[in-house]
Every structure is written in structure tokens, then in C-alpha cells.
Amino acid sequence: MERTFITAGGVRLESATWGERVPGRPTLVFLHEGLGSVSLWRDFPQRVAAATGLPAFAYSRRGYGASDGIQPPRPLDMLEREAALLPEVLAAAGLGPVLLVGHSDGASIALLHAASGAAGLLGVAVLAPHSFVEDITVSSIAAAAEAYRAGPLRERLARHHGENVDGAFWGWNRVWLDPGFRGWDIRPRLAAIGVPLLVIQGEDDEYGTAAQVEAIGAAVPPARILMLPACGHSPHRDQPEATLAAIAAFVAEICR
């Protein structure tokens, strides 16, 4: 893994790459969850890169990891703003064709990017995506706030976010719990997705129900759907082998 920094939107962003880039071959781009960062992907990008033979790239969005900080509140359209910034991030990293792998909030950003008809996108794999706000999501995020105030969760996250930890947590938490965010819904946009799509969700996801997957599948009928048993909100951590195999097969078919 090679760590570096790129600048996009006037902001310095932490990034990392795995593997060698080959002209004409796409790069896997990993978009982290609402509390994620480059380091919180752990070794998953490296494993996917090894399984697919493609290089991988990940970055920490502003306010996360070692990227430039941000003070809450974040705007309620934070996911749309991140999707709009993504082309500049990819250009700053010098990437050509890409395949996106997004988790949770990062999955929503990936879906928005795909729905925009962005050039150079070959396919999207989303893990535990959000396309609208559910009661279970709000309840679990409210519970996360209590866990954060109690201390241990903050300590764990601080290992990955350092000085950004409070801004990262409360920026994410307060948007999702804001009454004005309850109407957030990207389902009407999903029909515009014209690239191959893989959707993976755990049957025991504490942040979303199967209605998320069903909505995406209805809007994008060619989408491949994989529901994993004994799996919560993080398929790449709860069921890493099944998740890796599904993504590798998906990528192989696209690259063929």
C-alpha cells in the first residue's frame, strides 16, 4: 500500500493505492462508510486487488481519517455533494476508467455517481447501500450516539480519525438524525444507472432492511442482488470471503 495526499475541491484528502496501474485497465475505487476512512477498510482493498488483478484506490473524505477537517454541522445534501466532487477526486488521482466499491454512505455516493452518467465508470458494487431513510436506520444511528458518548466507540474511532474524530462522528450522526433528512430519497434517480450493478446486503443489517435492496433492484432490473446470512451492516467484515468472491466474479465479467 502506498499512502499519499491529493487535492480536490480545494481540500487535502488522504488516499492510498494498492497494486500497479496498467494502461487501459480500470482501477477499483473504494468509497467508505459514514464513519469510515482509508484505514478502516483494513486489508479489503488489497484483497480485492489481488483477487481481480486490478489496482485499487481509496481516499478519506473531508473530515475523515487524515484528510483536512470540517466542523459540524454538515449540510443535509452531504452525500450529493460528495458524489458531485467524486469526478474531481478521480481526476486528481490520475485515474482513467474505474469500478466503484462503496459501503453504506459510500454506497449511496456510488449510486448517485452512477446515476449521473459519469464518463469512465464501468460498474458499481455497493455494500449495505442506503437509497432512502428507514426507521431502523434512524434508531441505530441514535443508539450509536449514546455509544459514542459512553466512550469506547470514540476511542476506537480516534485510532483512525485522530483529531477529526468528533467532527467525523457528529457530522455524520446529526445529518442522519435531523428531521429534515427524513425525506432524503434517491430512488427516483436510480433508473438512470446504465452500468453493471452488484448489490450486497446482510440479512441482519442493523442499519437497513431488505427494502433497500428491493428498491434498487426494482429501479435497475439487471442489478445482481446478494443477501448474505449471518451478516450485519458490513459484509466485507462479517462475510469477507463471500463478499470478496462476489465482487471478484462481478469484476471479472465486466473486464471480459
C-alpha atoms as a PDB file:
ATOM      1  CA  MET A   1       0.000   0.000   0.000  1.00  0.00           C
ATOM      2  CA  GLU A   2       1.208   3.475  -0.865  1.00  0.00           C
ATOM      3  CA  ARG A   3      -0.265   6.390   1.080  1.00  0.00           C
ATOM      4  CA  THR A   4      -0.286   9.925  -0.228  1.00  0.00           C
ATOM      5  CA  PHE A   5      -2.455  13.048  -0.361  1.00  0.00           C
ATOM      6  CA  ILE A   6      -4.397  14.537  -3.234  1.00  0.00           C
ATOM      7  CA  THR A   7      -6.210  17.860  -3.509  1.00  0.00           C
ATOM      8  CA  ALA A   8      -9.811  18.084  -4.703  1.00  0.00           C
ATOM      9  CA  GLY A   9     -12.317  20.837  -4.104  1.00  0.00           C
ATOM     10  CA  GLY A  10      -9.523  22.870  -2.529  1.00  0.00           C
ATOM     11  CA  VAL A  11      -9.182  20.261   0.229  1.00  0.00           C
ATOM     12  CA  ARG A  12      -6.292  17.912   1.025  1.00  0.00           C
ATOM     13  CA  LEU A  13      -7.511  14.312   1.108  1.00  0.00           C
ATOM     14  CA  GLU A  14      -5.747  11.235   2.440  1.00  0.00           C
ATOM     15  CA  SER A  15      -5.506   8.481  -0.160  1.00  0.00           C
ATOM     16  CA  ALA A  16      -3.961   5.082  -0.700  1.00  0.00           C
ATOM     17  CA  THR A  17      -3.225   2.795  -3.641  1.00  0.00           C
ATOM     18  CA  TRP A  18      -2.628  -0.921  -3.911  1.00  0.00           C
ATOM     19  CA  GLY A  19      -1.057  -2.635  -6.907  1.00  0.00           C
ATOM     20  CA  GLU A  20       0.401  -1.340 -10.153  1.00  0.00           C
ATOM     21  CA  ARG A  21      -1.688   0.589 -12.656  1.00  0.00           C
ATOM     22  CA  VAL A  22      -1.743  -0.845 -16.162  1.00  0.00           C
ATOM     23  CA  PRO A  23      -2.668   1.376 -19.131  1.00  0.00           C
ATOM     24  CA  GLY A  24      -6.158   0.522 -20.363  1.00  0.00           C
ATOM     25  CA  ARG A  25      -7.081  -1.434 -17.243  1.00  0.00           C
ATOM     26  CA  PRO A  26      -9.598   0.017 -14.765  1.00  0.00           C
ATOM     27  CA  THR A  27      -8.916   0.900 -11.145  1.00  0.00           C
ATOM     28  CA  LEU A  28     -11.063  -0.228  -8.226  1.00  0.00           C
ATOM     29  CA  VAL A  29     -12.153   2.816  -6.218  1.00  0.00           C
ATOM     30  CA  PHE A  30     -13.319   2.267  -2.632  1.00  0.00           C
ATOM     31  CA  LEU A  31     -15.796   4.721  -1.050  1.00  0.00           C
ATOM     32  CA  HIS A  32     -16.024   4.380   2.712  1.00  0.00           C
ATOM     33  CA  GLU A  33     -18.987   4.331   5.071  1.00  0.00           C
ATOM     34  CA  GLY A  34     -20.287   7.248   7.139  1.00  0.00           C
ATOM     35  CA  LEU A  35     -17.717   6.670   9.885  1.00  0.00           C
ATOM     36  CA  GLY A  36     -15.045   5.136   7.648  1.00  0.00           C
ATOM     37  CA  SER A  37     -11.640   6.128   6.313  1.00  0.00           C
ATOM     38  CA  VAL A  38      -8.792   4.644   4.320  1.00  0.00           C
ATOM     39  CA  SER A  39      -7.532   2.678   7.326  1.00  0.00           C
ATOM     40  CA  LEU A  40     -10.982   1.373   8.299  1.00  0.00           C
ATOM     41  CA  TRP A  41     -11.109  -0.593   5.044  1.00  0.00           C
ATOM     42  CA  ARG A  42      -8.284  -2.606   6.626  1.00  0.00           C
ATOM     43  CA  ASP A  43      -6.945  -5.140   4.095  1.00  0.00           C
ATOM     44  CA  PHE A  44     -10.100  -5.461   1.986  1.00  0.00           C
ATOM     45  CA  PRO A  45      -8.970  -3.254  -0.951  1.00  0.00           C
ATOM     46  CA  GLN A  46      -5.699  -5.172  -1.088  1.00  0.00           C
ATOM     47  CA  ARG A  47      -7.540  -8.490  -1.139  1.00  0.00           C
ATOM     48  CA  VAL A  48      -9.922  -7.384  -3.891  1.00  0.00           C
ATOM     49  CA  ALA A  49      -6.994  -6.032  -5.900  1.00  0.00           C
ATOM     50  CA  ALA A  50      -5.173  -9.358  -5.574  1.00  0.00           C
ATOM     51  CA  ALA A  51      -8.278 -11.376  -6.490  1.00  0.00           C
ATOM     52  CA  THR A  52      -9.083  -9.282  -9.568  1.00  0.00           C
ATOM     53  CA  GLY A  53      -5.623  -8.361 -10.787  1.00  0.00           C
ATOM     54  CA  LEU A  54      -6.621  -4.692 -10.778  1.00  0.00           C
ATOM     55  CA  PRO A  55      -5.111  -1.799  -8.833  1.00  0.00           C
ATOM     56  CA  ALA A  56      -7.155  -0.279  -6.031  1.00  0.00           C
ATOM     57  CA  PHE A  57      -7.539   3.276  -4.771  1.00  0.00           C
ATOM     58  CA  ALA A  58      -9.241   4.602  -1.632  1.00  0.00           C
ATOM     59  CA  TYR A  59      -9.497   8.028  -0.053  1.00  0.00           C
ATOM     60  CA  SER A  60     -10.841   9.542   3.143  1.00  0.00           C
ATOM     61  CA  ARG A  61     -13.493  12.176   2.523  1.00  0.00           C
ATOM     62  CA  ARG A  62     -13.067  15.604   4.090  1.00  0.00           C
ATOM     63  CA  GLY A  63     -13.344  15.392   7.865  1.00  0.00           C
ATOM     64  CA  TYR A  64     -12.313  11.725   7.987  1.00  0.00           C
ATOM     65  CA  GLY A  65      -9.037   9.936   8.605  1.00  0.00           C
ATOM     66  CA  ALA A  66      -6.041  12.192   7.955  1.00  0.00           C
ATOM     67  CA  SER A  67      -7.872  14.399   5.444  1.00  0.00           C
ATOM     68  CA  ASP A  68      -8.493  18.083   6.130  1.00  0.00           C
ATOM     69  CA  GLY A  69     -11.027  18.588   8.879  1.00  0.00           C
ATOM     70  CA  ILE A  70     -14.528  20.003   8.844  1.00  0.00           C
ATOM     71  CA  GLN A  71     -16.666  21.395  11.629  1.00  0.00           C
ATOM     72  CA  PRO A  72     -20.266  20.169  12.011  1.00  0.00           C
ATOM     73  CA  PRO A  73     -22.925  20.706  11.011  1.00  0.00           C
ATOM     74  CA  ARG A  74     -22.570  19.089   7.645  1.00  0.00           C
ATOM     75  CA  PRO A  75     -25.168  20.067   5.041  1.00  0.00           C
ATOM     76  CA  LEU A  76     -28.152  17.770   4.627  1.00  0.00           C
ATOM     77  CA  ASP A  77     -27.151  17.190   0.997  1.00  0.00           C
ATOM     78  CA  MET A  78     -23.698  15.958   2.029  1.00  0.00           C
ATOM     79  CA  LEU A  79     -23.986  12.734   0.006  1.00  0.00           C
ATOM     80  CA  GLU A  80     -24.956  14.583  -3.150  1.00  0.00           C
ATOM     81  CA  ARG A  81     -22.056  16.991  -2.628  1.00  0.00           C
ATOM     82  CA  GLU A  82     -19.605  14.120  -2.253  1.00  0.00           C
ATOM     83  CA  ALA A  83     -20.934  12.487  -5.419  1.00  0.00           C
ATOM     84  CA  ALA A  84     -20.520  15.784  -7.281  1.00  0.00           C
ATOM     85  CA  LEU A  85     -16.916  16.052  -6.041  1.00  0.00           C
ATOM     86  CA  LEU A  86     -16.005  12.472  -6.981  1.00  0.00           C
ATOM     87  CA  PRO A  87     -15.015  13.230 -10.621  1.00  0.00           C
ATOM     88  CA  GLU A  88     -12.536  15.813  -9.331  1.00  0.00           C
ATOM     89  CA  VAL A  89     -11.140  13.283  -6.845  1.00  0.00           C
ATOM     90  CA  LEU A  90     -10.671  10.694  -9.595  1.00  0.00           C
ATOM     91  CA  ALA A  91      -9.002  13.266 -11.842  1.00  0.00           C
ATOM     92  CA  ALA A  92      -6.687  14.408  -9.024  1.00  0.00           C
ATOM     93  CA  ALA A  93      -5.654  10.789  -8.511  1.00  0.00           C
ATOM     94  CA  GLY A  94      -4.918  10.451 -12.226  1.00  0.00           C
ATOM     95  CA  LEU A  95      -7.433   7.651 -12.723  1.00  0.00           C
ATOM     96  CA  GLY A  96      -8.968   6.648 -16.044  1.00  0.00           C
ATOM     97  CA  PRO A  97     -11.732   4.020 -16.192  1.00  0.00           C
ATOM     98  CA  VAL A  98     -12.924   2.918 -12.756  1.00  0.00           C
ATOM     99  CA  LEU A  99     -15.081   0.390 -10.937  1.00  0.00           C
ATOM    100  CA  LEU A 100     -16.613   1.687  -7.706  1.00  0.00           C
ATOM    101  CA  VAL A 101     -16.935  -0.308  -4.485  1.00  0.00           C
ATOM    102  CA  GLY A 102     -18.976   1.657  -1.948  1.00  0.00           C
ATOM    103  CA  HIS A 103     -20.081   0.816   1.582  1.00  0.00           C
ATOM    104  CA  SER A 104     -23.126   2.367   3.335  1.00  0.00           C
ATOM    105  CA  ASP A 105     -22.885   6.150   2.808  1.00  0.00           C
ATOM    106  CA  GLY A 106     -20.127   5.430   0.297  1.00  0.00           C
ATOM    107  CA  ALA A 107     -22.519   3.081  -1.493  1.00  0.00           C
ATOM    108  CA  SER A 108     -25.080   5.881  -1.760  1.00  0.00           C
ATOM    109  CA  ILE A 109     -22.397   8.169  -3.181  1.00  0.00           C
ATOM    110  CA  ALA A 110     -21.504   5.452  -5.710  1.00  0.00           C
ATOM    111  CA  LEU A 111     -25.150   5.108  -6.764  1.00  0.00           C
ATOM    112  CA  LEU A 112     -25.501   8.866  -7.190  1.00  0.00           C
ATOM    113  CA  HIS A 113     -22.325   8.985  -9.271  1.00  0.00           C
ATOM    114  CA  ALA A 114     -23.556   6.131 -11.460  1.00  0.00           C
ATOM    115  CA  ALA A 115     -26.950   7.786 -11.916  1.00  0.00           C
ATOM    116  CA  SER A 116     -25.237  10.959 -13.115  1.00  0.00           C
ATOM    117  CA  GLY A 117     -23.968   9.165 -16.220  1.00  0.00           C
ATOM    118  CA  ALA A 118     -20.361   9.951 -15.354  1.00  0.00           C
ATOM    119  CA  ALA A 119     -17.800   9.075 -18.029  1.00  0.00           C
ATOM    120  CA  GLY A 120     -15.255   6.364 -17.364  1.00  0.00           C
ATOM    121  CA  LEU A 121     -17.427   4.344 -14.985  1.00  0.00           C
ATOM    122  CA  LEU A 122     -17.535   0.642 -15.881  1.00  0.00           C
ATOM    123  CA  GLY A 123     -19.506  -0.801 -12.970  1.00  0.00           C
ATOM    124  CA  VAL A 124     -20.544  -0.382  -9.342  1.00  0.00           C
ATOM    125  CA  ALA A 125     -20.573  -2.782  -6.385  1.00  0.00           C
ATOM    126  CA  VAL A 126     -22.432  -1.491  -3.329  1.00  0.00           C
ATOM    127  CA  LEU A 127     -22.384  -2.945   0.177  1.00  0.00           C
ATOM    128  CA  ALA A 128     -25.289  -2.142   2.516  1.00  0.00           C
ATOM    129  CA  PRO A 129     -26.449   0.838   0.428  1.00  0.00           C
ATOM    130  CA  HIS A 130     -28.946   3.483   1.527  1.00  0.00           C
ATOM    131  CA  SER A 131     -31.412   4.771  -1.062  1.00  0.00           C
ATOM    132  CA  PHE A 132     -33.920   6.233   1.413  1.00  0.00           C
ATOM    133  CA  VAL A 133     -34.234   6.711   5.175  1.00  0.00           C
ATOM    134  CA  GLU A 134     -35.780   3.904   7.244  1.00  0.00           C
ATOM    135  CA  ASP A 135     -36.857   3.877  10.881  1.00  0.00           C
ATOM    136  CA  ILE A 136     -34.311   1.153  11.659  1.00  0.00           C
ATOM    137  CA  THR A 137     -31.544   3.385  10.316  1.00  0.00           C
ATOM    138  CA  VAL A 138     -32.548   6.314  12.492  1.00  0.00           C
ATOM    139  CA  SER A 139     -32.882   4.099  15.584  1.00  0.00           C
ATOM    140  CA  SER A 140     -29.460   2.531  15.122  1.00  0.00           C
ATOM    141  CA  ILE A 141     -27.792   5.890  14.481  1.00  0.00           C
ATOM    142  CA  ALA A 142     -29.423   7.292  17.624  1.00  0.00           C
ATOM    143  CA  ALA A 143     -28.044   4.315  19.551  1.00  0.00           C
ATOM    144  CA  ALA A 144     -24.606   4.993  18.074  1.00  0.00           C
ATOM    145  CA  ALA A 145     -24.707   8.492  19.572  1.00  0.00           C
ATOM    146  CA  GLU A 146     -25.214   7.011  23.029  1.00  0.00           C
ATOM    147  CA  ALA A 147     -22.369   4.548  22.473  1.00  0.00           C
ATOM    148  CA  TYR A 148     -20.117   7.397  21.343  1.00  0.00           C
ATOM    149  CA  ARG A 149     -20.897   9.467  24.420  1.00  0.00           C
ATOM    150  CA  ALA A 150     -20.123   6.440  26.618  1.00  0.00           C
ATOM    151  CA  GLY A 151     -16.509   6.463  25.431  1.00  0.00           C
ATOM    152  CA  PRO A 152     -15.298   3.147  23.944  1.00  0.00           C
ATOM    153  CA  LEU A 153     -16.679   3.847  20.451  1.00  0.00           C
ATOM    154  CA  ARG A 154     -14.974   7.229  20.394  1.00  0.00           C
ATOM    155  CA  GLU A 155     -11.695   5.620  21.441  1.00  0.00           C
ATOM    156  CA  ARG A 156     -11.897   3.046  18.644  1.00  0.00           C
ATOM    157  CA  LEU A 157     -12.729   5.643  16.021  1.00  0.00           C
ATOM    158  CA  ALA A 158      -9.996   8.007  17.215  1.00  0.00           C
ATOM    159  CA  ARG A 159      -7.389   5.435  16.149  1.00  0.00           C
ATOM    160  CA  HIS A 160      -8.485   6.010  12.559  1.00  0.00           C
ATOM    161  CA  HIS A 161      -9.621   9.656  12.562  1.00  0.00           C
ATOM    162  CA  GLY A 162      -7.262  11.291  15.050  1.00  0.00           C
ATOM    163  CA  GLU A 163      -8.162  14.938  15.553  1.00  0.00           C
ATOM    164  CA  ASN A 164     -11.054  14.555  13.111  1.00  0.00           C
ATOM    165  CA  VAL A 165     -12.885  12.052  15.291  1.00  0.00           C
ATOM    166  CA  ASP A 166     -15.547  14.325  16.818  1.00  0.00           C
ATOM    167  CA  GLY A 167     -16.243  16.135  13.568  1.00  0.00           C
ATOM    168  CA  ALA A 168     -16.438  12.837  11.699  1.00  0.00           C
ATOM    169  CA  PHE A 169     -18.877  11.283  14.147  1.00  0.00           C
ATOM    170  CA  TRP A 170     -21.174  14.208  14.886  1.00  0.00           C
ATOM    171  CA  GLY A 171     -21.136  15.452  11.309  1.00  0.00           C
ATOM    172  CA  TRP A 172     -22.482  12.080  10.167  1.00  0.00           C
ATOM    173  CA  ASN A 173     -24.744  11.430  13.140  1.00  0.00           C
ATOM    174  CA  ARG A 174     -26.529  14.777  13.208  1.00  0.00           C
ATOM    175  CA  VAL A 175     -27.340  14.743   9.498  1.00  0.00           C
ATOM    176  CA  TRP A 176     -28.970  11.319   9.700  1.00  0.00           C
ATOM    177  CA  LEU A 177     -30.910  12.301  12.840  1.00  0.00           C
ATOM    178  CA  ASP A 178     -32.000  15.683  11.504  1.00  0.00           C
ATOM    179  CA  PRO A 179     -35.797  15.705  10.903  1.00  0.00           C
ATOM    180  CA  GLY A 180     -35.116  17.484   7.638  1.00  0.00           C
ATOM    181  CA  PHE A 181     -33.184  14.460   6.392  1.00  0.00           C
ATOM    182  CA  ARG A 182     -36.067  12.024   6.825  1.00  0.00           C
ATOM    183  CA  GLY A 183     -37.269  12.855   3.330  1.00  0.00           C
ATOM    184  CA  TRP A 184     -33.913  12.033   1.720  1.00  0.00           C
ATOM    185  CA  ASP A 185     -34.701   9.602  -1.094  1.00  0.00           C
ATOM    186  CA  ILE A 186     -32.625   8.838  -4.197  1.00  0.00           C
ATOM    187  CA  ARG A 187     -34.860   6.058  -5.531  1.00  0.00           C
ATOM    188  CA  PRO A 188     -36.250   8.223  -8.362  1.00  0.00           C
ATOM    189  CA  ARG A 189     -32.704   8.701  -9.696  1.00  0.00           C
ATOM    190  CA  LEU A 190     -31.661   5.064  -9.761  1.00  0.00           C
ATOM    191  CA  ALA A 191     -33.318   4.190 -13.060  1.00  0.00           C
ATOM    192  CA  ALA A 192     -30.679   6.356 -14.762  1.00  0.00           C
ATOM    193  CA  ILE A 193     -27.932   3.889 -13.815  1.00  0.00           C
ATOM    194  CA  GLY A 194     -26.690   2.316 -17.028  1.00  0.00           C
ATOM    195  CA  VAL A 195     -23.636   0.343 -15.865  1.00  0.00           C
ATOM    196  CA  PRO A 196     -23.483  -3.144 -14.313  1.00  0.00           C
ATOM    197  CA  LEU A 197     -24.512  -3.086 -10.668  1.00  0.00           C
ATOM    198  CA  LEU A 198     -23.893  -5.538  -7.817  1.00  0.00           C
ATOM    199  CA  VAL A 199     -25.777  -5.058  -4.533  1.00  0.00           C
ATOM    200  CA  ILE A 200     -24.710  -6.925  -1.380  1.00  0.00           C
ATOM    201  CA  GLN A 201     -26.509  -6.686   1.956  1.00  0.00           C
ATOM    202  CA  GLY A 202     -26.528  -8.670   5.170  1.00  0.00           C
ATOM    203  CA  GLU A 203     -29.762 -10.266   6.280  1.00  0.00           C
ATOM    204  CA  ASP A 204     -29.066  -8.954   9.790  1.00  0.00           C
ATOM    205  CA  ASP A 205     -28.151  -5.407   8.758  1.00  0.00           C
ATOM    206  CA  GLU A 206     -28.879  -3.190  11.747  1.00  0.00           C
ATOM    207  CA  TYR A 207     -28.962  -0.033   9.614  1.00  0.00           C
ATOM    208  CA  GLY A 208     -31.314  -1.091   6.851  1.00  0.00           C
ATOM    209  CA  THR A 209     -33.835  -3.705   5.748  1.00  0.00           C
ATOM    210  CA  ALA A 210     -34.186  -5.715   2.545  1.00  0.00           C
ATOM    211  CA  ALA A 211     -36.420  -2.887   1.297  1.00  0.00           C
ATOM    212  CA  GLN A 212     -33.224  -1.043   0.351  1.00  0.00           C
ATOM    213  CA  VAL A 213     -32.105  -3.855  -1.931  1.00  0.00           C
ATOM    214  CA  GLU A 214     -35.596  -4.387  -3.318  1.00  0.00           C
ATOM    215  CA  ALA A 215     -35.882  -0.713  -4.242  1.00  0.00           C
ATOM    216  CA  ILE A 216     -32.564  -0.738  -6.069  1.00  0.00           C
ATOM    217  CA  GLY A 217     -33.379  -3.999  -7.825  1.00  0.00           C
ATOM    218  CA  ALA A 218     -36.737  -2.626  -8.973  1.00  0.00           C
ATOM    219  CA  ALA A 219     -35.155   0.549 -10.348  1.00  0.00           C
ATOM    220  CA  VAL A 220     -32.228  -1.249 -12.003  1.00  0.00           C
ATOM    221  CA  PRO A 221     -33.618  -4.660 -13.058  1.00  0.00           C
ATOM    222  CA  PRO A 222     -30.280  -6.002 -14.374  1.00  0.00           C
ATOM    223  CA  ALA A 223     -28.707  -5.476 -10.939  1.00  0.00           C
ATOM    224  CA  ARG A 224     -27.279  -8.550  -9.254  1.00  0.00           C
ATOM    225  CA  ILE A 225     -28.528  -8.957  -5.695  1.00  0.00           C
ATOM    226  CA  LEU A 226     -26.778 -10.929  -2.967  1.00  0.00           C
ATOM    227  CA  MET A 227     -28.293 -11.219   0.513  1.00  0.00           C
ATOM    228  CA  LEU A 228     -25.849 -12.748   2.977  1.00  0.00           C
ATOM    229  CA  PRO A 229     -26.968 -14.718   6.063  1.00  0.00           C
ATOM    230  CA  ALA A 230     -25.306 -14.155   9.437  1.00  0.00           C
ATOM    231  CA  CYS A 231     -24.217 -10.734   8.222  1.00  0.00           C
ATOM    232  CA  GLY A 232     -24.775  -7.235   9.566  1.00  0.00           C
ATOM    233  CA  HIS A 233     -24.068  -3.809   8.103  1.00  0.00           C
ATOM    234  CA  SER A 234     -20.506  -4.585   6.989  1.00  0.00           C
ATOM    235  CA  PRO A 235     -20.469  -7.541   4.551  1.00  0.00           C
ATOM    236  CA  HIS A 236     -16.737  -7.151   3.904  1.00  0.00           C
ATOM    237  CA  ARG A 237     -16.068  -7.671   7.613  1.00  0.00           C
ATOM    238  CA  ASP A 238     -18.899 -10.032   8.594  1.00  0.00           C
ATOM    239  CA  GLN A 239     -18.741 -12.270   5.496  1.00  0.00           C
ATOM    240  CA  PRO A 240     -15.424 -11.333   3.855  1.00  0.00           C
ATOM    241  CA  GLU A 241     -14.959 -14.463   1.741  1.00  0.00           C
ATOM    242  CA  ALA A 242     -18.452 -14.407   0.243  1.00  0.00           C
ATOM    243  CA  THR A 243     -18.224 -10.658  -0.371  1.00  0.00           C
ATOM    244  CA  LEU A 244     -14.781 -10.953  -1.962  1.00  0.00           C
ATOM    245  CA  ALA A 245     -15.885 -13.813  -4.209  1.00  0.00           C
ATOM    246  CA  ALA A 246     -18.980 -11.931  -5.383  1.00  0.00           C
ATOM    247  CA  ILE A 247     -17.043  -8.766  -6.202  1.00  0.00           C
ATOM    248  CA  ALA A 248     -14.258 -10.699  -7.936  1.00  0.00           C
ATOM    249  CA  ALA A 249     -16.740 -12.571 -10.149  1.00  0.00           C
ATOM    250  CA  PHE A 250     -18.579  -9.333 -10.931  1.00  0.00           C
ATOM    251  CA  VAL A 251     -15.366  -7.551 -11.901  1.00  0.00           C
ATOM    252  CA  ALA A 252     -14.133 -10.494 -13.960  1.00  0.00           C
ATOM    253  CA  GLU A 253     -17.283 -10.466 -16.064  1.00  0.00           C
ATOM    254  CA  ILE A 254     -17.028  -6.724 -16.687  1.00  0.00           C
ATOM    255  CA  CYS A 255     -13.349  -6.915 -17.627  1.00  0.00           C
ATOM    256  CA  ARG A 256     -14.019  -9.812 -20.010  1.00  0.00           C
END
